[in-house]
């Protein structure tokens, strides 16, 4: 709870803010106390729910998604910029890959064991663009644009926990120029930058602390493409048919600037809770290792293991109109493991498939969860079909994400009331389409 830093006596001065006359002077002390509770509630809620559960994305292309990201030792298309830029050295011609992957998450919710509103934000489109350009002297230039972080949640605005959130969108897009180099015929390395655009948009309903009035609170901001990190990777061909790869992505320290707006029937509350807002966040580093094996000329297998240091983001430091407040997350470091394969069953067609197990970093025992994204680990199964003809490759993928049932206990910052939020039947449908052209 936020204490004296909120200065509730100043925020709730009825003479200064001209509160409607129905609030008599003899009730001012009680109103000040209620308004102080409201300010503490706004500050606590908007900071504790700001980024929800783990929000890393791995949909660099339809083909990469269909293979479960298990492409660390082999470049299937120009999305190698996203998965392992060291494999860009496989290309001897200019290659361009463009497309999108859509995500449509849904889940049934339960509040204290009773059925709640269904979570259904609709479909989100995750675009991608990748370029691979061979250069002289063993170098290859790569340029990629794809989502690296993101989530989206929407409930009915009148659902039982709209004080936590009822609509949230997070987008983290990276532009990644890379340079790969062949040290030998079997060993290649790469280095590049990750230029980040991060956008956050959230709606909730908050108690005003004055009678039964509640107000819609809107928090929005972005980093104006001003933050960056870096990445390095390598690939080694052990044999002509077996290769291993590894990639490191650095931290990205980002400052998100925007605006907070409260819309309620109480002018004093609106003025106190509205204004400029910002947040400082450190996005985690990660390490991915993997291998690819061409079992035969038509059967190809791969695996990838990613470790993400979510514990490096211990808090999000918010500056809101009601004061400063760091929000402690206490998330765990997690692993993601994927297995993928491709079968070239025809001269012009390949069948793709994968399974991925993705761990959830959110520690549910300390109320660090959020209703923004159903908590729990995820099991992901994806299939794909690729059509190749001449210089063109078209890949269509479909994935189904099973979200494990989980429960999180919340304490309302203003009322102190405890609520258990549970999810069941969490699913996300992912459809992808990529077009690759080799010049």
Protein backbone atom coordinates (compact mmCIF):
# COMPACT_ATOMS: atom_id res chain seq x y z
CA UNK A 1 0.00 0.00 0.00
CA UNK A 2 1.19 3.53 -0.75
CA UNK A 3 1.38 5.68 2.38
CA UNK A 4 2.37 9.29 2.96
CA UNK A 5 3.96 9.67 -0.47
CA UNK A 6 0.43 10.03 -1.88
CA UNK A 7 -0.27 13.17 0.23
CA UNK A 8 -3.98 12.30 0.64
CA UNK A 9 -4.75 15.52 2.56
CA UNK A 10 -3.75 17.60 -0.48
CA UNK A 11 -5.45 15.35 -3.03
CA UNK A 12 -8.76 15.35 -1.18
CA UNK A 13 -9.04 19.01 -0.20
CA UNK A 14 -12.74 19.68 -0.99
CA UNK A 15 -12.25 23.46 -1.18
CA UNK A 16 -9.31 23.22 -3.57
CA UNK A 17 -10.91 20.75 -5.96
CA UNK A 18 -14.52 21.95 -5.69
CA UNK A 19 -16.11 18.58 -4.91
CA UNK A 20 -19.85 18.52 -5.53
CA UNK A 21 -21.82 20.16 -2.65
CA UNK A 22 -23.60 16.93 -1.73
CA UNK A 23 -20.51 16.09 0.33
CA UNK A 24 -21.06 18.11 3.52
CA UNK A 25 -18.13 19.65 5.41
CA UNK A 26 -18.75 17.48 8.45
CA UNK A 27 -17.86 14.43 6.30
CA UNK A 28 -14.58 15.81 4.95
CA UNK A 29 -12.34 13.75 7.22
CA UNK A 30 -14.08 10.54 6.17
CA UNK A 31 -13.84 11.56 2.52
CA UNK A 32 -10.13 12.26 2.88
CA UNK A 33 -9.63 8.82 4.33
CA UNK A 34 -11.63 7.19 1.52
CA UNK A 35 -9.85 9.18 -1.17
CA UNK A 36 -6.47 8.22 0.28
CA UNK A 37 -7.55 4.57 0.06
CA UNK A 38 -8.55 5.11 -3.55
CA UNK A 39 -5.21 6.68 -4.43
CA UNK A 40 -3.36 3.79 -2.83
CA UNK A 41 -5.57 1.35 -4.73
CA UNK A 42 -4.92 3.02 -8.09
CA UNK A 43 -1.18 3.07 -7.53
CA UNK A 44 -0.99 -0.53 -6.35
CA UNK A 45 -3.25 -2.01 -9.00
CA UNK A 46 -1.82 -0.24 -12.02
CA UNK A 47 1.67 -1.29 -11.02
CA UNK A 48 1.06 -4.87 -9.94
CA UNK A 49 -0.82 -5.79 -13.11
CA UNK A 50 1.28 -3.88 -15.58
CA UNK A 51 2.98 -6.84 -17.24
CA UNK A 52 1.14 -9.93 -16.09
CA UNK A 53 2.65 -13.37 -16.57
CA UNK A 54 5.58 -14.21 -18.85
CA UNK A 55 5.15 -12.34 -22.15
CA UNK A 56 8.02 -13.44 -24.43
CA UNK A 57 7.05 -14.36 -28.00
CA UNK A 58 8.73 -16.84 -30.35
CA UNK A 59 6.72 -16.43 -33.56
CA UNK A 60 9.47 -15.26 -35.90
CA UNK A 61 7.83 -16.82 -38.97
CA UNK A 62 5.22 -19.40 -39.88
CA UNK A 63 7.88 -21.99 -40.66
CA UNK A 64 9.89 -21.28 -37.52
CA UNK A 65 6.69 -21.53 -35.46
CA UNK A 66 5.68 -24.80 -37.14
CA UNK A 67 9.12 -26.20 -36.26
CA UNK A 68 8.84 -25.08 -32.63
CA UNK A 69 11.83 -22.77 -32.98
CA UNK A 70 14.05 -25.84 -33.40
CA UNK A 71 16.14 -24.25 -36.13
CA UNK A 72 19.35 -23.41 -34.27
CA UNK A 73 21.61 -25.39 -36.62
CA UNK A 74 19.91 -24.80 -39.95
CA UNK A 75 18.37 -21.86 -41.84
CA UNK A 76 15.02 -22.76 -43.43
CA UNK A 77 14.24 -19.18 -44.52
CA UNK A 78 15.30 -15.60 -43.79
CA UNK A 79 13.69 -15.75 -40.31
CA UNK A 80 17.11 -17.05 -39.26
CA UNK A 81 17.50 -13.37 -38.30
CA UNK A 82 15.14 -14.13 -35.40
CA UNK A 83 16.17 -17.66 -34.41
CA UNK A 84 19.93 -17.88 -35.10
CA UNK A 85 21.52 -15.26 -37.39
CA UNK A 86 24.74 -17.31 -37.61
CA UNK A 87 22.87 -19.66 -39.96
CA UNK A 88 22.35 -16.80 -42.44
CA UNK A 89 25.63 -17.94 -43.94
CA UNK A 90 23.72 -20.88 -45.48
CA UNK A 91 22.33 -18.52 -48.13
CA UNK A 92 24.15 -17.78 -51.39
CA UNK A 93 21.38 -15.55 -52.79
CA UNK A 94 19.27 -12.70 -51.46
CA UNK A 95 16.31 -14.12 -49.51
CA UNK A 96 13.23 -12.27 -48.23
CA UNK A 97 10.58 -13.70 -45.89
CA UNK A 98 7.38 -11.80 -45.05
CA UNK A 99 4.17 -12.81 -43.31
CA UNK A 100 2.31 -12.95 -40.04
CA UNK A 101 1.21 -15.20 -37.19
CA UNK A 102 -2.09 -14.61 -35.42
CA UNK A 103 -2.85 -15.50 -31.79
CA UNK A 104 -6.36 -15.86 -30.34
CA UNK A 105 -6.29 -16.77 -26.61
CA UNK A 106 -9.40 -17.71 -24.62
CA UNK A 107 -10.02 -19.08 -21.13
CA UNK A 108 -12.82 -19.77 -18.66
CA UNK A 109 -12.39 -17.89 -15.38
CA UNK A 110 -13.57 -18.58 -11.85
CA UNK A 111 -13.82 -16.11 -8.99
CA UNK A 112 -13.69 -17.75 -5.56
CA UNK A 113 -14.81 -20.98 -7.18
CA UNK A 114 -17.75 -19.44 -9.03
CA UNK A 115 -17.86 -19.09 -12.84
CA UNK A 116 -16.70 -15.65 -13.98
CA UNK A 117 -16.46 -13.84 -17.29
CA UNK A 118 -14.77 -15.54 -20.22
CA UNK A 119 -11.43 -14.12 -21.29
CA UNK A 120 -11.56 -13.51 -25.06
CA UNK A 121 -9.60 -10.58 -26.52
CA UNK A 122 -10.04 -11.64 -30.14
CA UNK A 123 -7.19 -12.28 -32.57
CA UNK A 124 -3.87 -10.44 -32.56
CA UNK A 125 -1.71 -10.18 -35.68
CA UNK A 126 2.07 -10.56 -35.23
CA UNK A 127 3.81 -9.42 -38.45
CA UNK A 128 7.32 -10.36 -39.54
CA UNK A 129 9.81 -9.30 -42.21
CA UNK A 130 13.28 -10.76 -42.74
CA UNK A 131 16.06 -10.17 -45.24
CA UNK A 132 19.26 -12.14 -45.87
CA UNK A 133 21.86 -10.57 -48.17
CA UNK A 134 25.17 -12.38 -48.91
CA UNK A 135 28.24 -10.11 -49.00
CA UNK A 136 31.83 -10.64 -50.17
CA UNK A 137 34.54 -12.25 -48.04
CA UNK A 138 32.29 -14.67 -46.17
CA UNK A 139 29.93 -12.09 -44.67
CA UNK A 140 26.11 -12.11 -44.76
CA UNK A 141 23.92 -9.19 -43.74
CA UNK A 142 20.54 -9.81 -42.15
CA UNK A 143 17.67 -7.57 -41.17
CA UNK A 144 14.65 -8.73 -39.21
CA UNK A 145 11.46 -7.19 -37.85
CA UNK A 146 9.27 -9.31 -35.58
CA UNK A 147 7.44 -9.25 -32.22
CA UNK A 148 9.60 -10.39 -29.32
CA UNK A 149 7.27 -9.53 -26.44
CA UNK A 150 3.52 -9.23 -26.19
CA UNK A 151 0.19 -10.24 -24.71
CA UNK A 152 -3.45 -9.28 -24.97
CA UNK A 153 -6.42 -9.80 -22.66
CA UNK A 154 -10.01 -8.58 -22.72
CA UNK A 155 -12.95 -9.29 -20.42
CA UNK A 156 -16.38 -7.68 -20.27
CA UNK A 157 -15.99 -4.27 -18.65
CA UNK A 158 -18.39 -5.23 -15.85
CA UNK A 159 -16.65 -8.47 -14.86
CA UNK A 160 -15.97 -9.22 -11.21
CA UNK A 161 -12.28 -8.27 -11.21
CA UNK A 162 -12.32 -5.21 -13.43
CA UNK A 163 -10.46 -3.40 -10.64
CA UNK A 164 -7.45 -5.50 -11.72
CA UNK A 165 -7.91 -5.06 -15.46
CA UNK A 166 -10.52 -5.64 -18.12
CA UNK A 167 -8.48 -4.85 -21.23
CA UNK A 168 -4.72 -4.94 -21.68
CA UNK A 169 -2.40 -4.91 -24.70
CA UNK A 170 1.40 -5.20 -24.59
CA UNK A 171 3.54 -5.08 -27.74
CA UNK A 172 7.30 -5.37 -27.97
CA UNK A 173 8.61 -5.25 -31.57
CA UNK A 174 12.30 -5.52 -32.41
CA UNK A 175 14.22 -4.39 -35.49
CA UNK A 176 17.39 -6.50 -35.68
CA UNK A 177 20.27 -5.79 -38.07
CA UNK A 178 22.75 -8.70 -37.99
CA UNK A 179 26.09 -9.52 -39.57
CA UNK A 180 27.14 -13.17 -39.95
CA UNK A 181 30.61 -14.41 -40.85
CA UNK A 182 31.97 -17.78 -41.93
CA UNK A 183 35.13 -18.41 -39.93
CA UNK A 184 35.52 -21.77 -41.65
CA UNK A 185 33.29 -23.84 -43.92
CA UNK A 186 31.81 -25.47 -40.80
CA UNK A 187 31.81 -22.64 -38.24
CA UNK A 188 29.92 -19.36 -38.48
CA UNK A 189 29.24 -16.56 -36.00
CA UNK A 190 27.04 -13.47 -35.93
CA UNK A 191 26.43 -10.27 -33.97
CA UNK A 192 23.65 -7.73 -34.11
CA UNK A 193 21.49 -5.12 -32.39
CA UNK A 194 17.89 -5.32 -31.18
CA UNK A 195 16.09 -1.98 -31.49
CA UNK A 196 12.95 -2.17 -29.35
CA UNK A 197 9.55 -0.53 -29.67
CA UNK A 198 7.50 -1.23 -26.52
CA UNK A 199 3.85 -0.21 -26.13
CA UNK A 200 1.50 -0.69 -23.17
CA UNK A 201 -2.24 -0.01 -22.95
CA UNK A 202 -4.50 -0.97 -20.02
CA UNK A 203 -8.04 -0.24 -18.80
CA UNK A 204 -9.54 -0.96 -15.38
CA UNK A 205 -12.28 0.31 -13.07
CA UNK A 206 -11.25 1.73 -9.69
CA UNK A 207 -13.12 2.65 -6.55
CA UNK A 208 -13.06 6.40 -5.99
CA UNK A 209 -13.38 6.10 -2.20
CA UNK A 210 -16.44 8.39 -2.38
CA UNK A 211 -19.70 6.53 -1.86
CA UNK A 212 -20.30 3.87 -4.50
CA UNK A 213 -18.68 5.88 -7.30
CA UNK A 214 -16.13 4.11 -9.48
CA UNK A 215 -14.05 5.42 -12.35
CA UNK A 216 -12.45 4.07 -15.50
CA UNK A 217 -8.66 4.22 -15.26
CA UNK A 218 -6.61 4.21 -18.47
CA UNK A 219 -2.83 3.78 -18.49
CA UNK A 220 -0.98 4.07 -21.81
CA UNK A 221 2.63 4.60 -22.89
CA UNK A 222 5.52 3.57 -25.16
CA UNK A 223 9.29 3.91 -25.37
CA UNK A 224 9.38 5.74 -28.76
CA UNK A 225 11.79 3.13 -30.26
CA UNK A 226 14.50 4.58 -28.03
CA UNK A 227 15.91 1.43 -26.34
CA UNK A 228 18.17 -1.30 -27.62
CA UNK A 229 20.05 -4.47 -26.76
CA UNK A 230 22.38 -6.81 -28.61
CA UNK A 231 22.72 -10.45 -29.54
CA UNK A 232 25.44 -12.88 -30.62
CA UNK A 233 25.17 -16.41 -31.98
CA UNK A 234 27.15 -19.25 -33.47
CA UNK A 235 26.61 -22.42 -35.48
CA UNK A 236 28.94 -25.37 -35.98
CA UNK A 237 28.46 -28.18 -38.50
CA UNK A 238 29.66 -31.32 -36.76
CA UNK A 239 29.03 -33.37 -39.90
CA UNK A 240 27.38 -32.67 -43.24
CA UNK A 241 24.04 -33.71 -41.73
CA UNK A 242 24.31 -32.60 -38.09
CA UNK A 243 24.84 -29.07 -36.73
CA UNK A 244 24.59 -27.34 -33.36
CA UNK A 245 23.89 -23.70 -32.58
CA UNK A 246 23.64 -21.24 -29.71
CA UNK A 247 22.40 -17.69 -29.26
CA UNK A 248 22.56 -15.07 -26.51
CA UNK A 249 20.18 -12.09 -26.23
CA UNK A 250 21.12 -9.30 -23.85
CA UNK A 251 19.04 -7.33 -21.38
CA UNK A 252 17.12 -4.33 -22.70
CA UNK A 253 16.61 -1.48 -20.24
CA UNK A 254 13.53 0.43 -21.34
CA UNK A 255 11.75 3.57 -20.14
CA UNK A 256 8.06 3.72 -21.06
CA UNK A 257 6.47 7.18 -21.04
CA UNK A 258 2.82 8.00 -21.39
CA UNK A 259 -0.30 9.18 -19.62
CA UNK A 260 -2.68 8.04 -16.88
CA UNK A 261 -6.31 9.14 -17.02
CA UNK A 262 -9.10 8.68 -14.49
CA UNK A 263 -12.70 9.25 -15.58
CA UNK A 264 -15.12 9.24 -12.63
CA UNK A 265 -17.95 11.44 -11.25
CA UNK A 266 -15.55 12.87 -8.62
CA UNK A 267 -13.49 15.80 -9.93
CA UNK A 268 -10.94 15.65 -7.12
CA UNK A 269 -10.15 12.02 -7.84
CA UNK A 270 -9.90 12.63 -11.60
CA UNK A 271 -7.42 15.47 -11.11
CA UNK A 272 -5.31 13.58 -8.59
CA UNK A 273 -5.08 10.33 -10.57
CA UNK A 274 -4.59 11.81 -14.07
CA UNK A 275 -1.37 13.10 -15.60
CA UNK A 276 1.96 11.97 -17.01
CA UNK A 277 3.18 8.47 -16.14
CA UNK A 278 6.30 6.43 -16.80
CA UNK A 279 7.85 3.07 -15.96
CA UNK A 280 11.39 1.70 -15.97
CA UNK A 281 11.71 -1.97 -16.85
CA UNK A 282 14.59 -4.35 -17.57
CA UNK A 283 13.61 -6.97 -20.14
CA UNK A 284 15.41 -10.27 -19.49
CA UNK A 285 18.43 -11.84 -21.11
CA UNK A 286 18.12 -15.31 -22.63
CA UNK A 287 20.26 -18.15 -23.95
CA UNK A 288 19.13 -20.68 -26.57
CA UNK A 289 20.97 -23.83 -27.62
CA UNK A 290 19.88 -26.43 -30.13
CA UNK A 291 20.73 -28.90 -32.84
CA UNK A 292 19.46 -29.97 -36.25
CA UNK A 293 19.87 -33.35 -37.93
CA UNK A 294 19.13 -34.26 -41.54
CA UNK A 295 18.23 -37.90 -40.89
CA UNK A 296 17.79 -38.55 -44.61
CA UNK A 297 17.45 -36.32 -47.65
CA UNK A 298 13.74 -35.94 -46.87
CA UNK A 299 13.49 -36.18 -43.07
CA UNK A 300 14.84 -33.39 -40.85
CA UNK A 301 14.72 -33.11 -37.05
CA UNK A 302 15.60 -30.35 -34.61
CA UNK A 303 15.48 -29.35 -30.98
CA UNK A 304 15.95 -26.11 -29.06
CA UNK A 305 16.22 -25.20 -25.37
CA UNK A 306 15.81 -21.60 -24.16
CA UNK A 307 16.61 -20.26 -20.71
CA UNK A 308 15.16 -16.84 -19.84
CA UNK A 309 16.30 -14.92 -16.75
CA UNK A 310 12.98 -13.39 -15.65
CA UNK A 311 14.47 -12.97 -12.15
CA UNK A 312 16.60 -10.16 -13.65
CA UNK A 313 13.36 -8.14 -13.71
CA UNK A 314 12.76 -8.01 -9.93
CA UNK A 315 10.62 -4.89 -10.07
CA UNK A 316 8.96 -2.39 -12.37
CA UNK A 317 9.61 1.17 -11.24
CA UNK A 318 6.53 3.29 -11.84
CA UNK A 319 6.11 7.04 -11.62
CA UNK A 320 2.38 7.82 -11.52
CA UNK A 321 0.41 11.01 -10.81
CA UNK A 322 -0.23 9.63 -7.29
CA UNK A 323 3.49 9.07 -6.60
CA UNK A 324 6.40 6.70 -7.19
CA UNK A 325 6.11 3.01 -6.48
CA UNK A 326 8.35 0.05 -7.38
CA UNK A 327 6.36 -3.12 -7.99
CA UNK A 328 8.13 -6.28 -6.91
CA UNK A 329 7.54 -9.29 -9.18
CA UNK A 330 9.73 -12.09 -7.80
CA UNK A 331 9.45 -14.13 -10.99
CA UNK A 332 11.42 -17.32 -11.60
CA UNK A 333 13.92 -18.10 -14.33
CA UNK A 334 12.32 -20.53 -16.76
CA UNK A 335 13.06 -22.95 -19.58
CA UNK A 336 11.32 -23.52 -22.89
CA UNK A 337 12.04 -26.71 -24.83
CA UNK A 338 10.93 -27.48 -28.37
CA UNK A 339 11.14 -30.46 -30.72
CA UNK A 340 10.41 -30.08 -34.41
CA UNK A 341 10.61 -31.97 -37.66
CA UNK A 342 10.03 -31.69 -41.39
CA UNK A 343 9.22 -34.36 -43.99
CA UNK A 344 9.70 -33.54 -47.67
CA UNK A 345 7.04 -35.98 -48.86
CA UNK A 346 6.86 -34.48 -52.35
CA UNK A 347 9.13 -32.53 -54.64
CA UNK A 348 7.06 -29.41 -53.97
CA UNK A 349 5.62 -30.06 -50.50
CA UNK A 350 6.91 -30.49 -46.93
CA UNK A 351 4.99 -31.42 -43.80
CA UNK A 352 6.10 -29.69 -40.59
CA UNK A 353 5.31 -30.38 -36.94
CA UNK A 354 6.49 -29.58 -33.41
CA UNK A 355 5.85 -29.79 -29.69
CA UNK A 356 6.92 -27.08 -27.20
CA UNK A 357 6.77 -26.97 -23.41
CA UNK A 358 6.85 -23.38 -22.14
CA UNK A 359 7.18 -22.67 -18.40
CA UNK A 360 5.38 -19.78 -16.67
CA UNK A 361 7.73 -17.56 -14.59
CA UNK A 362 5.04 -16.02 -12.41
CA UNK A 363 5.21 -16.89 -8.70
CA UNK A 364 1.57 -17.29 -7.69
CA UNK A 365 2.24 -17.56 -3.97
CA UNK A 366 3.07 -13.86 -3.47
CA UNK A 367 0.22 -12.21 -5.41
CA UNK A 368 2.55 -11.25 -8.24
CA UNK A 369 0.16 -12.68 -10.83
CA UNK A 370 -2.36 -10.90 -12.99
CA UNK A 371 -5.68 -11.49 -14.71
CA UNK A 372 -4.06 -10.15 -17.89
CA UNK A 373 -2.92 -13.60 -18.99
CA UNK A 374 -4.03 -17.00 -17.63
CA UNK A 375 -1.27 -18.27 -15.32
CA UNK A 376 0.27 -21.70 -15.73
CA UNK A 377 2.70 -23.58 -17.96
CA UNK A 378 1.87 -24.09 -21.62
CA UNK A 379 1.94 -27.07 -23.98
CA UNK A 380 2.09 -26.08 -27.65
CA UNK A 381 1.48 -28.34 -30.63
CA UNK A 382 1.91 -26.96 -34.16
CA UNK A 383 1.63 -28.37 -37.67
CA UNK A 384 2.51 -26.76 -40.98
CA UNK A 385 2.53 -27.28 -44.71
CA UNK A 386 5.16 -25.74 -46.98
CA UNK A 387 4.86 -25.43 -50.75
CA UNK A 388 8.00 -24.76 -52.79
CA UNK A 389 8.05 -23.90 -56.46
CA UNK A 390 11.05 -22.37 -58.15
CA UNK A 391 12.15 -19.34 -56.15
CA UNK A 392 9.00 -19.26 -54.01
CA UNK A 393 8.19 -20.95 -50.71
CA UNK A 394 4.81 -20.54 -48.99
CA UNK A 395 4.28 -21.93 -45.49
CA UNK A 396 0.98 -22.20 -43.63
CA UNK A 397 0.99 -23.15 -39.93
CA UNK A 398 -1.58 -23.86 -37.24
CA UNK A 399 -0.80 -24.16 -33.56
CA UNK A 400 -2.83 -24.93 -30.46
CA UNK A 401 -1.61 -23.67 -27.08
CA UNK A 402 -2.93 -25.53 -24.02
CA UNK A 403 -2.64 -23.39 -20.88
CA UNK A 404 -2.49 -25.37 -17.66
CA UNK A 405 -5.21 -24.61 -15.08
CA UNK A 406 -3.93 -22.45 -12.25
CA UNK A 407 -5.16 -20.30 -9.37
CA UNK A 408 -3.85 -16.98 -8.05
CA UNK A 409 -4.86 -15.21 -4.82
CA UNK A 410 -5.31 -11.43 -4.99
CA UNK A 411 -5.81 -8.88 -2.25
CA UNK A 412 -7.71 -5.74 -3.22
CA UNK A 413 -5.37 -2.81 -2.40
CA UNK A 414 -8.24 -0.54 -1.31
CA UNK A 415 -10.63 -2.87 0.50
CA UNK A 416 -8.23 -5.60 1.65
CA UNK A 417 -10.66 -8.24 0.37
CA UNK A 418 -9.05 -11.50 -0.75
CA UNK A 419 -10.09 -13.02 -4.07
CA UNK A 420 -9.03 -16.29 -5.69
CA UNK A 421 -8.79 -16.06 -9.48
CA UNK A 422 -8.70 -19.38 -11.37
CA UNK A 423 -8.59 -20.34 -15.02
CA UNK A 424 -9.59 -23.49 -16.86
CA UNK A 425 -9.79 -24.54 -20.51
CA UNK A 426 -7.16 -22.00 -21.49
CA UNK A 427 -6.45 -22.22 -25.22
CA UNK A 428 -4.84 -20.10 -27.89
CA UNK A 429 -5.21 -20.69 -31.62
CA UNK A 430 -2.23 -19.60 -33.73
CA UNK A 431 -2.42 -19.37 -37.53
CA UNK A 432 0.62 -18.32 -39.53
CA UNK A 433 1.44 -17.55 -43.14
CA UNK A 434 4.87 -16.77 -44.58
CA UNK A 435 6.06 -16.11 -48.11
CA UNK A 436 9.75 -16.57 -48.93
CA UNK A 437 11.36 -15.50 -52.18
CA UNK A 438 14.91 -16.40 -53.22
CA UNK A 439 16.32 -13.92 -55.74
